[in-house]
Protein backbone atom coordinates (compact mmCIF):
# COMPACT_ATOMS: atom_id res chain seq x y z
CA MET A 1 -61.33 31.19 88.61
CA LYS A 2 -59.20 31.43 85.47
CA LYS A 3 -55.77 29.95 85.95
CA TYR A 4 -52.72 32.11 85.30
CA LEU A 5 -51.16 29.53 82.99
CA PRO A 6 -48.49 31.91 81.59
CA PHE A 7 -46.80 31.80 85.02
CA LYS A 8 -47.08 28.04 85.55
CA LYS A 9 -43.47 27.50 84.45
CA TYR A 10 -42.36 29.89 87.20
CA MET A 11 -44.39 28.26 89.96
CA HIS A 12 -41.30 26.73 91.62
CA ILE A 13 -39.74 30.20 91.84
CA LEU A 14 -42.92 31.78 93.18
CA LYS A 15 -43.30 29.07 95.84
CA ALA A 16 -39.69 29.55 96.93
CA SER A 17 -40.09 33.33 97.20
CA LYS A 18 -40.48 34.76 100.69
CA LEU A 19 -43.37 36.83 99.37
CA PHE A 20 -45.50 33.68 98.88
CA GLU A 21 -44.24 31.79 101.91
CA GLY A 22 -46.95 29.47 103.26
CA ILE A 23 -49.21 29.97 100.23
CA ASN A 24 -50.04 26.94 98.06
CA ASP A 25 -50.24 26.68 94.25
CA ASP A 26 -53.96 27.41 93.95
CA GLU A 27 -53.70 30.36 96.35
CA ILE A 28 -50.73 31.77 94.42
CA ASP A 29 -52.76 31.51 91.25
CA GLU A 30 -55.60 33.39 92.95
CA VAL A 31 -53.20 36.08 94.15
CA LEU A 32 -51.72 36.57 90.67
CA CYS A 33 -55.20 37.09 89.28
CA CYS A 34 -56.25 39.40 92.10
CA LEU A 35 -53.11 41.56 91.83
CA SER A 36 -53.29 41.83 88.03
CA ALA A 37 -49.90 40.15 87.61
CA THR A 38 -48.02 41.17 84.47
CA GLU A 39 -44.75 39.82 83.11
CA LYS A 40 -42.10 41.87 81.31
CA ASN A 41 -38.71 40.97 79.85
CA TYR A 42 -35.60 43.16 79.91
CA ARG A 43 -32.27 42.87 78.13
CA ARG A 44 -28.91 43.06 79.86
CA ASP A 45 -28.03 46.66 80.89
CA GLU A 46 -31.60 47.83 80.19
CA TYR A 47 -33.12 50.21 82.72
CA ILE A 48 -36.25 48.91 84.46
CA PHE A 49 -36.67 52.21 86.30
CA HIS A 50 -34.81 55.51 86.26
CA ALA A 51 -34.49 57.53 89.45
CA GLY A 52 -37.45 59.91 89.68
CA GLU A 53 -39.84 57.62 87.79
CA SER A 54 -43.16 56.74 89.36
CA ILE A 55 -43.49 53.15 90.58
CA SER A 56 -46.81 51.68 91.69
CA SER A 57 -46.16 47.92 91.70
CA VAL A 58 -44.16 45.41 93.68
CA ALA A 59 -41.69 43.58 91.40
CA LEU A 60 -40.60 39.95 91.74
CA ILE A 61 -37.73 38.59 89.63
CA LEU A 62 -38.68 35.40 87.80
CA ARG A 63 -35.40 35.10 85.90
CA GLY A 64 -32.10 36.97 85.96
CA SER A 65 -31.02 39.73 88.35
CA VAL A 66 -30.95 43.52 88.73
CA HIS A 67 -28.84 46.15 90.42
CA ILE A 68 -30.28 48.92 92.52
CA GLN A 69 -27.79 51.69 91.81
CA ARG A 70 -27.20 55.42 91.88
CA GLU A 71 -25.13 57.64 89.59
CA ASP A 72 -24.09 61.11 90.65
CA TYR A 73 -23.75 64.26 88.53
CA TRP A 74 -20.18 63.33 87.53
CA GLY A 75 -21.07 59.76 86.52
CA ASN A 76 -19.74 58.02 89.63
CA LEU A 77 -21.69 54.80 90.13
CA SER A 78 -22.67 53.25 93.45
CA ILE A 79 -24.35 49.82 93.61
CA LEU A 80 -26.71 49.70 96.57
CA ASN A 81 -27.93 46.13 96.20
CA LYS A 82 -28.22 43.16 93.86
CA ILE A 83 -31.67 41.54 93.58
CA SER A 84 -31.73 37.98 92.24
CA GLU A 85 -34.22 35.36 91.06
CA GLY A 86 -37.13 34.94 93.47
CA ASP A 87 -36.39 38.20 95.27
CA VAL A 88 -38.59 41.30 95.42
CA PHE A 89 -37.87 45.00 94.93
CA GLY A 90 -39.92 48.20 94.91
CA GLU A 91 -42.06 47.11 97.86
CA ALA A 92 -41.45 50.37 99.72
CA TYR A 93 -42.90 52.28 96.74
CA GLY A 94 -45.45 49.82 95.40
CA VAL A 95 -47.50 49.79 98.60
CA SER A 96 -47.77 53.57 98.95
CA GLY A 97 -49.28 54.57 95.63
CA ASP A 98 -47.46 56.26 92.77
CA CYS A 99 -44.15 57.35 94.29
CA ALA A 100 -40.91 58.47 92.66
CA ILE A 101 -38.16 55.88 93.03
CA LEU A 102 -34.90 57.27 94.43
CA ASN A 103 -32.49 55.02 92.51
CA ASP A 104 -32.02 53.41 89.12
CA VAL A 105 -32.90 49.75 88.62
CA VAL A 106 -30.87 48.05 85.87
CA ALA A 107 -30.90 44.49 84.52
CA VAL A 108 -27.56 42.77 85.16
CA GLU A 109 -28.46 40.09 82.60
CA ASN A 110 -31.49 39.17 80.51
CA THR A 111 -34.23 39.37 83.12
CA THR A 112 -37.93 38.58 83.51
CA ILE A 113 -39.94 40.48 86.11
CA LEU A 114 -43.42 39.94 87.51
CA PHE A 115 -45.22 43.16 88.50
CA LEU A 116 -47.95 42.97 91.16
CA ASP A 117 -50.47 45.69 92.02
CA PHE A 118 -50.21 45.36 95.80
CA ASN A 119 -52.45 48.35 96.44
CA ARG A 120 -55.38 46.05 95.75
CA VAL A 121 -54.43 43.96 98.79
CA PHE A 122 -54.77 46.96 101.10
CA SER A 123 -58.25 47.70 99.77
CA LEU A 124 -59.61 44.30 100.85
CA ASP A 125 -61.08 43.19 104.16
CA TYR A 126 -58.39 41.08 105.83
CA SER A 127 -60.98 39.36 108.03
CA GLU A 128 -62.48 37.86 104.88
CA CYS A 129 -59.23 37.09 103.09
CA GLY A 130 -56.65 35.04 104.95
CA ILE A 131 -54.35 35.02 101.93
CA CYS A 132 -54.19 38.82 101.95
CA LEU A 133 -53.18 38.84 105.61
CA ARG A 134 -50.37 36.37 104.90
CA LEU A 135 -49.20 38.51 101.99
CA ILE A 136 -49.11 41.61 104.18
CA ARG A 137 -47.09 39.77 106.82
CA SER A 138 -44.66 38.53 104.17
CA LEU A 139 -44.32 42.02 102.74
CA TYR A 140 -43.49 43.55 106.11
CA SER A 141 -41.01 40.75 106.73
CA LEU A 142 -39.32 41.60 103.42
CA LEU A 143 -39.20 45.28 104.35
CA ALA A 144 -37.54 44.38 107.65
CA GLU A 145 -35.02 42.23 105.79
CA LYS A 146 -34.21 45.08 103.41
CA ASN A 147 -33.59 47.37 106.38
CA ARG A 148 -31.21 44.80 107.84
CA ILE A 149 -29.31 44.56 104.53
CA LEU A 150 -29.07 48.36 104.38
CA ALA A 151 -27.70 48.44 107.93
CA GLN A 152 -25.07 45.85 106.95
CA LYS A 153 -24.02 47.92 103.93
CA LEU A 154 -23.74 51.01 106.10
CA GLY A 155 -21.54 48.95 108.39
CA HIS A 156 -19.16 48.22 105.52
CA MET A 157 -19.22 51.83 104.34
CA SER A 158 -18.43 53.16 107.82
CA GLN A 159 -15.03 51.44 107.77
CA ARG A 160 -12.21 53.91 107.22
CA THR A 161 -9.93 52.10 104.77
CA THR A 162 -10.42 49.99 101.65
CA ARG A 163 -8.97 46.97 103.47
CA GLU A 164 -11.36 47.39 106.37
CA LYS A 165 -14.31 47.69 103.98
CA LEU A 166 -13.24 44.54 102.16
CA LEU A 167 -12.73 42.61 105.38
CA SER A 168 -16.12 43.70 106.68
CA TYR A 169 -17.91 42.68 103.49
CA LEU A 170 -16.05 39.39 102.94
CA SER A 171 -16.50 38.41 106.58
CA GLU A 172 -20.25 38.91 106.25
CA GLU A 173 -20.36 36.85 103.04
CA SER A 174 -18.45 34.06 104.79
CA VAL A 175 -20.97 34.03 107.63
CA LYS A 176 -23.82 34.02 105.12
CA ALA A 177 -22.30 31.04 103.27
CA GLU A 178 -21.42 29.30 106.57
CA SER A 179 -18.02 28.61 105.08
CA SER A 180 -14.62 30.24 104.71
CA SER A 181 -14.89 29.49 100.96
CA PHE A 182 -17.64 31.28 99.06
CA TYR A 183 -18.64 33.19 95.94
CA ILE A 184 -19.68 36.84 95.91
CA PRO A 185 -22.36 38.18 93.50
CA PHE A 186 -20.10 40.89 92.04
CA ASN A 187 -17.23 41.19 89.61
CA ARG A 188 -14.34 43.52 90.51
CA GLN A 189 -15.89 46.69 89.14
CA GLN A 190 -19.25 45.91 90.72
CA LEU A 191 -17.60 45.18 94.07
CA ALA A 192 -15.75 48.50 93.91
CA ASP A 193 -19.02 50.29 93.08
CA PHE A 194 -20.78 48.49 95.94
CA LEU A 195 -18.12 49.50 98.47
CA SER A 196 -17.64 52.96 96.89
CA VAL A 197 -13.90 52.55 96.44
CA ASP A 198 -11.55 52.92 93.48
CA ARG A 199 -11.32 49.67 91.52
CA SER A 200 -7.55 49.88 90.95
CA ALA A 201 -6.86 50.65 94.60
CA MET A 202 -9.20 47.85 95.68
CA SER A 203 -7.50 45.32 93.38
CA LYS A 204 -4.09 46.28 94.77
CA GLU A 205 -5.40 45.93 98.31
CA LEU A 206 -6.80 42.47 97.56
CA CYS A 207 -3.38 41.40 96.29
CA LYS A 208 -1.75 42.77 99.47
CA MET A 209 -4.29 40.89 101.59
CA ARG A 210 -3.48 37.72 99.66
CA ASP A 211 0.27 38.28 100.17
CA ASP A 212 -0.38 38.86 103.88
CA GLY A 213 -2.04 35.44 104.06
CA LEU A 214 -5.52 36.78 104.83
CA LEU A 215 -7.25 35.25 101.83
CA CYS A 216 -7.05 33.61 98.43
CA PHE A 217 -9.27 34.47 95.49
CA ASP A 218 -10.05 33.51 91.92
CA ARG A 219 -12.42 35.92 90.18
CA ASN A 220 -15.50 36.04 92.44
CA ARG A 221 -14.52 33.04 94.59
CA PHE A 222 -12.85 33.80 97.92
CA ASP A 223 -11.23 31.67 100.60
CA LEU A 224 -10.57 33.39 103.92
CA LYS A 225 -7.56 32.32 105.99
CA GLN A 226 -7.09 32.51 109.72
């Protein structure tokens, strides 16, 4: 079978991705060929998808990162999630045919994305293709993980005050990092958009929390205090 040499330089990222967990180099190469893998580059702030556009592929980030975001009629922006190198997005749409995506997908920085036609996997006989079965299991695992992340975000959003939202989010990031000192993947405006709060009010609240001895911060680095 013809090797997918254009993606050889990304093999370490593909192998580390949860989508290809337990699949070796040769099998990954076979999958890329089978799923008609295509690579596309995007500039910073470029839209990969606009809400309402049809999406028929599963996307894996080879380089860079994207925001899944929504903008209302009045231009108010809400960041739903940040997807980074090695992560996947669009799986809920790419496995169900041509469906309209509900949110915008925007490159946070110069980004390279690998698009995979996952519908081809569902047309094969799993009993004859062990790789396909592993891919399906990985895909459902990713969907379950996305649901967990959504539930966590809803947990932050359900808090009544800006301070409570910040504490909920920062506490979760601390647990994720297994340390009281950690970096978050957002700048101030992005964090405000993620938590759906006013940036100025959030910045003032962070300063109050620092003065109250709850935390220290420097840009996107935080240190929680007991």
